[in-house]
């Protein structure tokens, strides 16, 4: 029986390299396998030595994410829109007011909602991500706001739809109730929170996956779950963990 640590079985032994988390980019110099010296191996944060409490604090700050967008370390970025999102757009009447919080540089989903006839507002607190999105969107650049979802003054707008993908799981759990309350505040009655929600276990976050009981605690007093299905086209890092869900506000 091979009793070496998981990292040794996966990568071999005795070759020094820089490891970097495939999600957030945290780096550490460790012996992680038979790879060229001074190369980078993308692994999970379990190979890093950073205090998880420090990462939690940092992941709630724009600088944490701006560094990753600036360096291109965005493995959560989807080249396109999820199949479930496309299906949702196909069965949703146009002219809805849509909010995309924590949009990052994901210009394609913004464009998809606009091309389906919806009035879209997207927001992110990373200046780098917002600039990347604006540059990609061209004439639609004004749909993206640089600001904090939790405190930005959206005015008297009552949104019909809030779209979620990788924003909630990027937030430390101490902010989850604030997220659910803020979404409920911004949605009109019967409005919909829809998107891809990450469930499961993560020993060394971010990301911060939900559990079924926690999702019920967060949402069930404010929303009714009307659809929940496994995501059919997840990225490899999220395989088996994402659910497409639609929550209707009471």
C-alpha atoms as a PDB file:
ATOM      1  CA  UNK A   1       0.000   0.000   0.000  1.00  0.00           C
ATOM      2  CA  UNK A   2       1.272   3.466  -0.911  1.00  0.00           C
ATOM      3  CA  UNK A   3       1.326   5.395   2.372  1.00  0.00           C
ATOM      4  CA  UNK A   4       2.711   8.652   1.007  1.00  0.00           C
ATOM      5  CA  UNK A   5       0.628  11.819   1.380  1.00  0.00           C
ATOM      6  CA  UNK A   6      -1.936  12.511  -1.322  1.00  0.00           C
ATOM      7  CA  UNK A   7       0.242  15.228  -2.839  1.00  0.00           C
ATOM      8  CA  UNK A   8       3.156  12.792  -3.164  1.00  0.00           C
ATOM      9  CA  UNK A   9       1.003  10.115  -4.805  1.00  0.00           C
ATOM     10  CA  UNK A  10      -0.375  12.660  -7.264  1.00  0.00           C
ATOM     11  CA  UNK A  11       2.829  14.459  -8.146  1.00  0.00           C
ATOM     12  CA  UNK A  12       5.692  12.194  -7.009  1.00  0.00           C
ATOM     13  CA  UNK A  13       8.368  13.352  -4.580  1.00  0.00           C
ATOM     14  CA  UNK A  14      11.463  15.492  -4.138  1.00  0.00           C
ATOM     15  CA  UNK A  15      10.994  18.127  -6.834  1.00  0.00           C
ATOM     16  CA  UNK A  16      10.813  21.669  -5.510  1.00  0.00           C
ATOM     17  CA  UNK A  17       8.253  23.927  -7.132  1.00  0.00           C
ATOM     18  CA  UNK A  18       5.923  26.790  -6.359  1.00  0.00           C
ATOM     19  CA  UNK A  19       2.397  25.601  -5.744  1.00  0.00           C
ATOM     20  CA  UNK A  20      -0.560  27.869  -6.371  1.00  0.00           C
ATOM     21  CA  UNK A  21      -4.172  27.282  -5.455  1.00  0.00           C
ATOM     22  CA  UNK A  22      -6.268  26.687  -8.588  1.00  0.00           C
ATOM     23  CA  UNK A  23      -9.079  28.799  -7.043  1.00  0.00           C
ATOM     24  CA  UNK A  24      -7.500  31.818  -5.394  1.00  0.00           C
ATOM     25  CA  UNK A  25      -3.834  31.760  -6.423  1.00  0.00           C
ATOM     26  CA  UNK A  26      -2.284  31.609  -2.954  1.00  0.00           C
ATOM     27  CA  UNK A  27       1.296  30.405  -3.355  1.00  0.00           C
ATOM     28  CA  UNK A  28       3.744  28.415  -1.286  1.00  0.00           C
ATOM     29  CA  UNK A  29       7.184  26.975  -1.939  1.00  0.00           C
ATOM     30  CA  UNK A  30       6.847  23.273  -1.208  1.00  0.00           C
ATOM     31  CA  UNK A  31       8.161  20.012  -2.574  1.00  0.00           C
ATOM     32  CA  UNK A  32       5.122  18.950  -4.534  1.00  0.00           C
ATOM     33  CA  UNK A  33       6.326  16.432  -7.108  1.00  0.00           C
ATOM     34  CA  UNK A  34       8.409  15.552 -10.126  1.00  0.00           C
ATOM     35  CA  UNK A  35       8.097  18.900 -11.880  1.00  0.00           C
ATOM     36  CA  UNK A  36      10.732  21.378 -13.087  1.00  0.00           C
ATOM     37  CA  UNK A  37      12.216  23.582 -10.402  1.00  0.00           C
ATOM     38  CA  UNK A  38      10.663  27.028 -10.064  1.00  0.00           C
ATOM     39  CA  UNK A  39       7.610  25.955 -12.039  1.00  0.00           C
ATOM     40  CA  UNK A  40       4.046  26.475 -10.847  1.00  0.00           C
ATOM     41  CA  UNK A  41       1.716  23.601 -10.019  1.00  0.00           C
ATOM     42  CA  UNK A  42      -1.970  24.421  -9.616  1.00  0.00           C
ATOM     43  CA  UNK A  43      -3.376  22.576  -6.636  1.00  0.00           C
ATOM     44  CA  UNK A  44      -5.809  23.325  -3.830  1.00  0.00           C
ATOM     45  CA  UNK A  45      -5.036  25.583  -0.877  1.00  0.00           C
ATOM     46  CA  UNK A  46      -4.286  22.511   1.257  1.00  0.00           C
ATOM     47  CA  UNK A  47      -0.681  22.782   0.050  1.00  0.00           C
ATOM     48  CA  UNK A  48      -0.388  26.354   1.273  1.00  0.00           C
ATOM     49  CA  UNK A  49       0.669  27.448   4.718  1.00  0.00           C
ATOM     50  CA  UNK A  50      -1.420  30.628   4.970  1.00  0.00           C
ATOM     51  CA  UNK A  51      -3.688  30.888   7.995  1.00  0.00           C
ATOM     52  CA  UNK A  52      -7.267  30.265   6.737  1.00  0.00           C
ATOM     53  CA  UNK A  53      -8.463  33.161   8.910  1.00  0.00           C
ATOM     54  CA  UNK A  54      -6.156  35.476   6.980  1.00  0.00           C
ATOM     55  CA  UNK A  55      -7.552  34.238   3.666  1.00  0.00           C
ATOM     56  CA  UNK A  56     -11.113  34.738   4.934  1.00  0.00           C
ATOM     57  CA  UNK A  57     -10.337  38.313   5.883  1.00  0.00           C
ATOM     58  CA  UNK A  58      -8.632  38.970   2.555  1.00  0.00           C
ATOM     59  CA  UNK A  59     -11.359  37.409   0.408  1.00  0.00           C
ATOM     60  CA  UNK A  60     -13.779  40.045   1.698  1.00  0.00           C
ATOM     61  CA  UNK A  61     -11.508  42.799   0.356  1.00  0.00           C
ATOM     62  CA  UNK A  62     -11.354  44.027  -3.261  1.00  0.00           C
ATOM     63  CA  UNK A  63      -7.547  43.832  -3.366  1.00  0.00           C
ATOM     64  CA  UNK A  64      -7.676  40.055  -2.904  1.00  0.00           C
ATOM     65  CA  UNK A  65      -9.680  39.647  -6.108  1.00  0.00           C
ATOM     66  CA  UNK A  66      -8.057  42.468  -8.087  1.00  0.00           C
ATOM     67  CA  UNK A  67      -4.697  40.713  -7.768  1.00  0.00           C
ATOM     68  CA  UNK A  68      -6.192  37.572  -9.262  1.00  0.00           C
ATOM     69  CA  UNK A  69      -7.942  39.327 -12.127  1.00  0.00           C
ATOM     70  CA  UNK A  70      -4.800  41.325 -12.918  1.00  0.00           C
ATOM     71  CA  UNK A  71      -2.693  38.150 -13.104  1.00  0.00           C
ATOM     72  CA  UNK A  72      -5.301  36.078 -14.913  1.00  0.00           C
ATOM     73  CA  UNK A  73      -5.631  33.585 -12.038  1.00  0.00           C
ATOM     74  CA  UNK A  74      -9.395  33.140 -12.465  1.00  0.00           C
ATOM     75  CA  UNK A  75     -10.085  29.388 -12.821  1.00  0.00           C
ATOM     76  CA  UNK A  76     -13.716  29.966 -11.805  1.00  0.00           C
ATOM     77  CA  UNK A  77     -14.252  32.010 -14.979  1.00  0.00           C
ATOM     78  CA  UNK A  78     -16.632  30.304 -17.423  1.00  0.00           C
ATOM     79  CA  UNK A  79     -16.103  30.826 -21.146  1.00  0.00           C
ATOM     80  CA  UNK A  80     -19.763  31.340 -21.960  1.00  0.00           C
ATOM     81  CA  UNK A  81     -22.920  31.009 -19.897  1.00  0.00           C
ATOM     82  CA  UNK A  82     -24.185  27.872 -18.127  1.00  0.00           C
ATOM     83  CA  UNK A  83     -26.668  25.743 -20.062  1.00  0.00           C
ATOM     84  CA  UNK A  84     -29.213  26.241 -17.277  1.00  0.00           C
ATOM     85  CA  UNK A  85     -28.857  30.021 -17.569  1.00  0.00           C
ATOM     86  CA  UNK A  86     -29.490  29.835 -21.304  1.00  0.00           C
ATOM     87  CA  UNK A  87     -32.582  27.692 -20.674  1.00  0.00           C
ATOM     88  CA  UNK A  88     -33.803  30.165 -18.043  1.00  0.00           C
ATOM     89  CA  UNK A  89     -33.446  33.049 -20.480  1.00  0.00           C
ATOM     90  CA  UNK A  90     -35.340  31.107 -23.142  1.00  0.00           C
ATOM     91  CA  UNK A  91     -38.385  30.708 -20.887  1.00  0.00           C
ATOM     92  CA  UNK A  92     -38.296  34.140 -19.240  1.00  0.00           C
ATOM     93  CA  UNK A  93     -40.247  37.056 -20.676  1.00  0.00           C
ATOM     94  CA  UNK A  94     -38.071  40.046 -21.676  1.00  0.00           C
ATOM     95  CA  UNK A  95     -37.875  43.475 -20.059  1.00  0.00           C
ATOM     96  CA  UNK A  96     -37.024  42.218 -16.568  1.00  0.00           C
ATOM     97  CA  UNK A  97     -34.755  44.320 -14.375  1.00  0.00           C
ATOM     98  CA  UNK A  98     -31.754  42.085 -13.662  1.00  0.00           C
ATOM     99  CA  UNK A  99     -28.988  42.513 -11.089  1.00  0.00           C
ATOM    100  CA  UNK A 100     -25.722  40.546 -11.314  1.00  0.00           C
ATOM    101  CA  UNK A 101     -23.781  41.026  -8.041  1.00  0.00           C
ATOM    102  CA  UNK A 102     -20.117  40.095  -7.855  1.00  0.00           C
ATOM    103  CA  UNK A 103     -20.013  39.948 -11.653  1.00  0.00           C
ATOM    104  CA  UNK A 104     -16.217  40.009 -11.873  1.00  0.00           C
ATOM    105  CA  UNK A 105     -15.085  40.250 -15.484  1.00  0.00           C
ATOM    106  CA  UNK A 106     -17.833  37.917 -16.717  1.00  0.00           C
ATOM    107  CA  UNK A 107     -19.067  40.005 -19.625  1.00  0.00           C
ATOM    108  CA  UNK A 108     -20.688  37.109 -21.471  1.00  0.00           C
ATOM    109  CA  UNK A 109     -23.546  36.587 -19.018  1.00  0.00           C
ATOM    110  CA  UNK A 110     -24.191  40.354 -18.977  1.00  0.00           C
ATOM    111  CA  UNK A 111     -24.382  40.366 -22.764  1.00  0.00           C
ATOM    112  CA  UNK A 112     -26.633  37.273 -22.770  1.00  0.00           C
ATOM    113  CA  UNK A 113     -29.203  38.922 -20.495  1.00  0.00           C
ATOM    114  CA  UNK A 114     -29.120  42.119 -22.563  1.00  0.00           C
ATOM    115  CA  UNK A 115     -29.505  40.248 -25.864  1.00  0.00           C
ATOM    116  CA  UNK A 116     -32.514  38.439 -24.357  1.00  0.00           C
ATOM    117  CA  UNK A 117     -34.148  41.839 -23.885  1.00  0.00           C
ATOM    118  CA  UNK A 118     -33.523  42.524 -20.196  1.00  0.00           C
ATOM    119  CA  UNK A 119     -32.407  45.684 -18.400  1.00  0.00           C
ATOM    120  CA  UNK A 120     -29.142  44.592 -16.724  1.00  0.00           C
ATOM    121  CA  UNK A 121     -27.130  46.110 -13.884  1.00  0.00           C
ATOM    122  CA  UNK A 122     -23.904  44.366 -12.849  1.00  0.00           C
ATOM    123  CA  UNK A 123     -21.702  45.321  -9.904  1.00  0.00           C
ATOM    124  CA  UNK A 124     -18.323  44.333  -8.499  1.00  0.00           C
ATOM    125  CA  UNK A 125     -15.936  45.919  -6.009  1.00  0.00           C
ATOM    126  CA  UNK A 126     -12.763  44.934  -7.881  1.00  0.00           C
ATOM    127  CA  UNK A 127     -11.651  47.836 -10.056  1.00  0.00           C
ATOM    128  CA  UNK A 128      -9.570  45.492 -12.215  1.00  0.00           C
ATOM    129  CA  UNK A 129     -12.472  43.091 -12.844  1.00  0.00           C
ATOM    130  CA  UNK A 130     -14.847  45.953 -13.639  1.00  0.00           C
ATOM    131  CA  UNK A 131     -12.423  47.499 -16.100  1.00  0.00           C
ATOM    132  CA  UNK A 132     -11.942  44.144 -17.832  1.00  0.00           C
ATOM    133  CA  UNK A 133     -15.705  43.675 -18.110  1.00  0.00           C
ATOM    134  CA  UNK A 134     -16.243  47.207 -19.404  1.00  0.00           C
ATOM    135  CA  UNK A 135     -13.515  46.814 -22.034  1.00  0.00           C
ATOM    136  CA  UNK A 136     -15.076  43.568 -23.272  1.00  0.00           C
ATOM    137  CA  UNK A 137     -18.615  44.966 -23.340  1.00  0.00           C
ATOM    138  CA  UNK A 138     -17.925  48.000 -25.506  1.00  0.00           C
ATOM    139  CA  UNK A 139     -21.212  49.914 -25.921  1.00  0.00           C
ATOM    140  CA  UNK A 140     -22.690  48.017 -22.969  1.00  0.00           C
ATOM    141  CA  UNK A 141     -19.901  49.115 -20.604  1.00  0.00           C
ATOM    142  CA  UNK A 142     -22.199  51.359 -18.584  1.00  0.00           C
ATOM    143  CA  UNK A 143     -24.135  48.319 -17.364  1.00  0.00           C
ATOM    144  CA  UNK A 144     -21.222  47.553 -14.981  1.00  0.00           C
ATOM    145  CA  UNK A 145     -20.827  49.484 -11.736  1.00  0.00           C
ATOM    146  CA  UNK A 146     -17.739  49.676  -9.552  1.00  0.00           C
ATOM    147  CA  UNK A 147     -19.152  49.411  -6.042  1.00  0.00           C
ATOM    148  CA  UNK A 148     -19.972  47.309  -2.998  1.00  0.00           C
ATOM    149  CA  UNK A 149     -23.103  45.205  -3.443  1.00  0.00           C
ATOM    150  CA  UNK A 150     -23.889  45.497   0.263  1.00  0.00           C
ATOM    151  CA  UNK A 151     -23.821  49.293   0.468  1.00  0.00           C
ATOM    152  CA  UNK A 152     -24.294  50.663  -3.046  1.00  0.00           C
ATOM    153  CA  UNK A 153     -27.336  52.927  -3.409  1.00  0.00           C
ATOM    154  CA  UNK A 154     -29.377  51.422  -6.246  1.00  0.00           C
ATOM    155  CA  UNK A 155     -32.120  53.981  -5.690  1.00  0.00           C
ATOM    156  CA  UNK A 156     -35.774  53.052  -5.984  1.00  0.00           C
ATOM    157  CA  UNK A 157     -35.116  50.130  -8.357  1.00  0.00           C
ATOM    158  CA  UNK A 158     -36.872  46.894  -7.466  1.00  0.00           C
ATOM    159  CA  UNK A 159     -35.191  44.104  -9.410  1.00  0.00           C
ATOM    160  CA  UNK A 160     -37.107  41.223 -10.959  1.00  0.00           C
ATOM    161  CA  UNK A 161     -34.111  38.859 -11.098  1.00  0.00           C
ATOM    162  CA  UNK A 162     -30.836  38.540  -9.211  1.00  0.00           C
ATOM    163  CA  UNK A 163     -28.346  36.244 -10.945  1.00  0.00           C
ATOM    164  CA  UNK A 164     -25.831  34.301  -8.847  1.00  0.00           C
ATOM    165  CA  UNK A 165     -22.672  32.511  -9.897  1.00  0.00           C
ATOM    166  CA  UNK A 166     -19.526  32.218  -7.721  1.00  0.00           C
ATOM    167  CA  UNK A 167     -20.347  35.372  -5.742  1.00  0.00           C
ATOM    168  CA  UNK A 168     -21.912  33.774  -2.675  1.00  0.00           C
ATOM    169  CA  UNK A 169     -19.212  31.104  -2.436  1.00  0.00           C
ATOM    170  CA  UNK A 170     -16.513  33.780  -2.597  1.00  0.00           C
ATOM    171  CA  UNK A 171     -17.892  35.414   0.547  1.00  0.00           C
ATOM    172  CA  UNK A 172     -16.822  34.322   4.032  1.00  0.00           C
ATOM    173  CA  UNK A 173     -19.780  32.598   5.748  1.00  0.00           C
ATOM    174  CA  UNK A 174     -20.068  35.478   8.235  1.00  0.00           C
ATOM    175  CA  UNK A 175     -21.443  37.531   5.311  1.00  0.00           C
ATOM    176  CA  UNK A 176     -23.946  34.972   4.023  1.00  0.00           C
ATOM    177  CA  UNK A 177     -26.912  36.231   6.020  1.00  0.00           C
ATOM    178  CA  UNK A 178     -26.125  39.769   4.871  1.00  0.00           C
ATOM    179  CA  UNK A 179     -26.137  38.465   1.289  1.00  0.00           C
ATOM    180  CA  UNK A 180     -29.537  36.785   1.646  1.00  0.00           C
ATOM    181  CA  UNK A 181     -31.015  39.853   3.340  1.00  0.00           C
ATOM    182  CA  UNK A 182     -29.617  42.237   0.747  1.00  0.00           C
ATOM    183  CA  UNK A 183     -30.938  40.145  -2.144  1.00  0.00           C
ATOM    184  CA  UNK A 184     -34.390  40.023  -0.523  1.00  0.00           C
ATOM    185  CA  UNK A 185     -34.259  43.786  -0.003  1.00  0.00           C
ATOM    186  CA  UNK A 186     -33.435  44.498  -3.651  1.00  0.00           C
ATOM    187  CA  UNK A 187     -35.912  42.062  -5.219  1.00  0.00           C
ATOM    188  CA  UNK A 188     -39.569  42.916  -5.739  1.00  0.00           C
ATOM    189  CA  UNK A 189     -42.113  40.535  -4.165  1.00  0.00           C
ATOM    190  CA  UNK A 190     -42.200  37.324  -6.264  1.00  0.00           C
ATOM    191  CA  UNK A 191     -38.831  38.303  -7.745  1.00  0.00           C
ATOM    192  CA  UNK A 192     -36.328  35.535  -8.467  1.00  0.00           C
ATOM    193  CA  UNK A 193     -32.846  34.718  -7.176  1.00  0.00           C
ATOM    194  CA  UNK A 194     -31.460  32.319  -9.784  1.00  0.00           C
ATOM    195  CA  UNK A 195     -28.129  30.808 -10.681  1.00  0.00           C
ATOM    196  CA  UNK A 196     -25.418  28.301  -9.851  1.00  0.00           C
ATOM    197  CA  UNK A 197     -24.912  27.610  -6.143  1.00  0.00           C
ATOM    198  CA  UNK A 198     -21.902  25.697  -4.844  1.00  0.00           C
ATOM    199  CA  UNK A 199     -22.588  22.873  -2.363  1.00  0.00           C
ATOM    200  CA  UNK A 200     -20.318  20.410  -0.605  1.00  0.00           C
ATOM    201  CA  UNK A 201     -17.153  20.444   1.467  1.00  0.00           C
ATOM    202  CA  UNK A 202     -13.989  22.495   1.128  1.00  0.00           C
ATOM    203  CA  UNK A 203     -11.253  21.863   3.666  1.00  0.00           C
ATOM    204  CA  UNK A 204      -9.279  24.983   2.834  1.00  0.00           C
ATOM    205  CA  UNK A 205     -11.476  27.750   1.384  1.00  0.00           C
ATOM    206  CA  UNK A 206     -12.174  29.928  -0.509  1.00  0.00           C
ATOM    207  CA  UNK A 207     -14.464  28.941  -2.147  1.00  0.00           C
ATOM    208  CA  UNK A 208     -16.976  28.493   0.682  1.00  0.00           C
ATOM    209  CA  UNK A 209     -19.588  25.897  -0.351  1.00  0.00           C
ATOM    210  CA  UNK A 210     -23.076  25.718   1.109  1.00  0.00           C
ATOM    211  CA  UNK A 211     -24.678  22.779   2.839  1.00  0.00           C
ATOM    212  CA  UNK A 212     -28.358  21.949   2.460  1.00  0.00           C
ATOM    213  CA  UNK A 213     -29.251  22.869   6.037  1.00  0.00           C
ATOM    214  CA  UNK A 214     -27.356  26.158   5.811  1.00  0.00           C
ATOM    215  CA  UNK A 215     -29.079  27.080   2.555  1.00  0.00           C
ATOM    216  CA  UNK A 216     -32.450  26.416   4.198  1.00  0.00           C
ATOM    217  CA  UNK A 217     -31.455  28.583   7.159  1.00  0.00           C
ATOM    218  CA  UNK A 218     -30.353  31.424   4.887  1.00  0.00           C
ATOM    219  CA  UNK A 219     -33.112  31.452   2.329  1.00  0.00           C
ATOM    220  CA  UNK A 220     -36.272  29.662   3.452  1.00  0.00           C
ATOM    221  CA  UNK A 221     -37.617  32.488   5.605  1.00  0.00           C
ATOM    222  CA  UNK A 222     -37.362  34.881   2.642  1.00  0.00           C
ATOM    223  CA  UNK A 223     -37.666  32.693  -0.454  1.00  0.00           C
ATOM    224  CA  UNK A 224     -39.347  29.570  -1.765  1.00  0.00           C
ATOM    225  CA  UNK A 225     -37.165  27.099  -3.664  1.00  0.00           C
ATOM    226  CA  UNK A 226     -38.982  26.376  -6.941  1.00  0.00           C
ATOM    227  CA  UNK A 227     -36.247  24.612  -8.932  1.00  0.00           C
ATOM    228  CA  UNK A 228     -33.057  22.735  -8.006  1.00  0.00           C
ATOM    229  CA  UNK A 229     -31.061  20.643 -10.486  1.00  0.00           C
ATOM    230  CA  UNK A 230     -27.428  19.559 -10.823  1.00  0.00           C
ATOM    231  CA  UNK A 231     -25.478  21.840 -13.130  1.00  0.00           C
ATOM    232  CA  UNK A 232     -24.952  19.946 -16.369  1.00  0.00           C
ATOM    233  CA  UNK A 233     -21.830  21.752 -17.582  1.00  0.00           C
ATOM    234  CA  UNK A 234     -19.674  22.638 -14.540  1.00  0.00           C
ATOM    235  CA  UNK A 235     -16.065  23.645 -14.695  1.00  0.00           C
ATOM    236  CA  UNK A 236     -13.738  20.808 -13.544  1.00  0.00           C
ATOM    237  CA  UNK A 237     -12.987  22.534 -10.223  1.00  0.00           C
ATOM    238  CA  UNK A 238     -16.717  22.564  -9.419  1.00  0.00           C
ATOM    239  CA  UNK A 239     -17.628  19.132 -10.790  1.00  0.00           C
ATOM    240  CA  UNK A 240     -20.453  17.537  -8.792  1.00  0.00           C
ATOM    241  CA  UNK A 241     -20.781  20.561  -6.506  1.00  0.00           C
ATOM    242  CA  UNK A 242     -22.941  23.070  -8.396  1.00  0.00           C
ATOM    243  CA  UNK A 243     -26.727  23.226  -8.439  1.00  0.00           C
ATOM    244  CA  UNK A 244     -28.868  25.432 -10.615  1.00  0.00           C
ATOM    245  CA  UNK A 245     -31.466  26.845  -8.251  1.00  0.00           C
ATOM    246  CA  UNK A 246     -34.356  29.261  -8.525  1.00  0.00           C
ATOM    247  CA  UNK A 247     -35.588  30.915  -5.335  1.00  0.00           C
ATOM    248  CA  UNK A 248     -38.772  33.027  -5.432  1.00  0.00           C
ATOM    249  CA  UNK A 249     -39.006  35.852  -2.932  1.00  0.00           C
ATOM    250  CA  UNK A 250     -42.095  35.817  -0.722  1.00  0.00           C
END
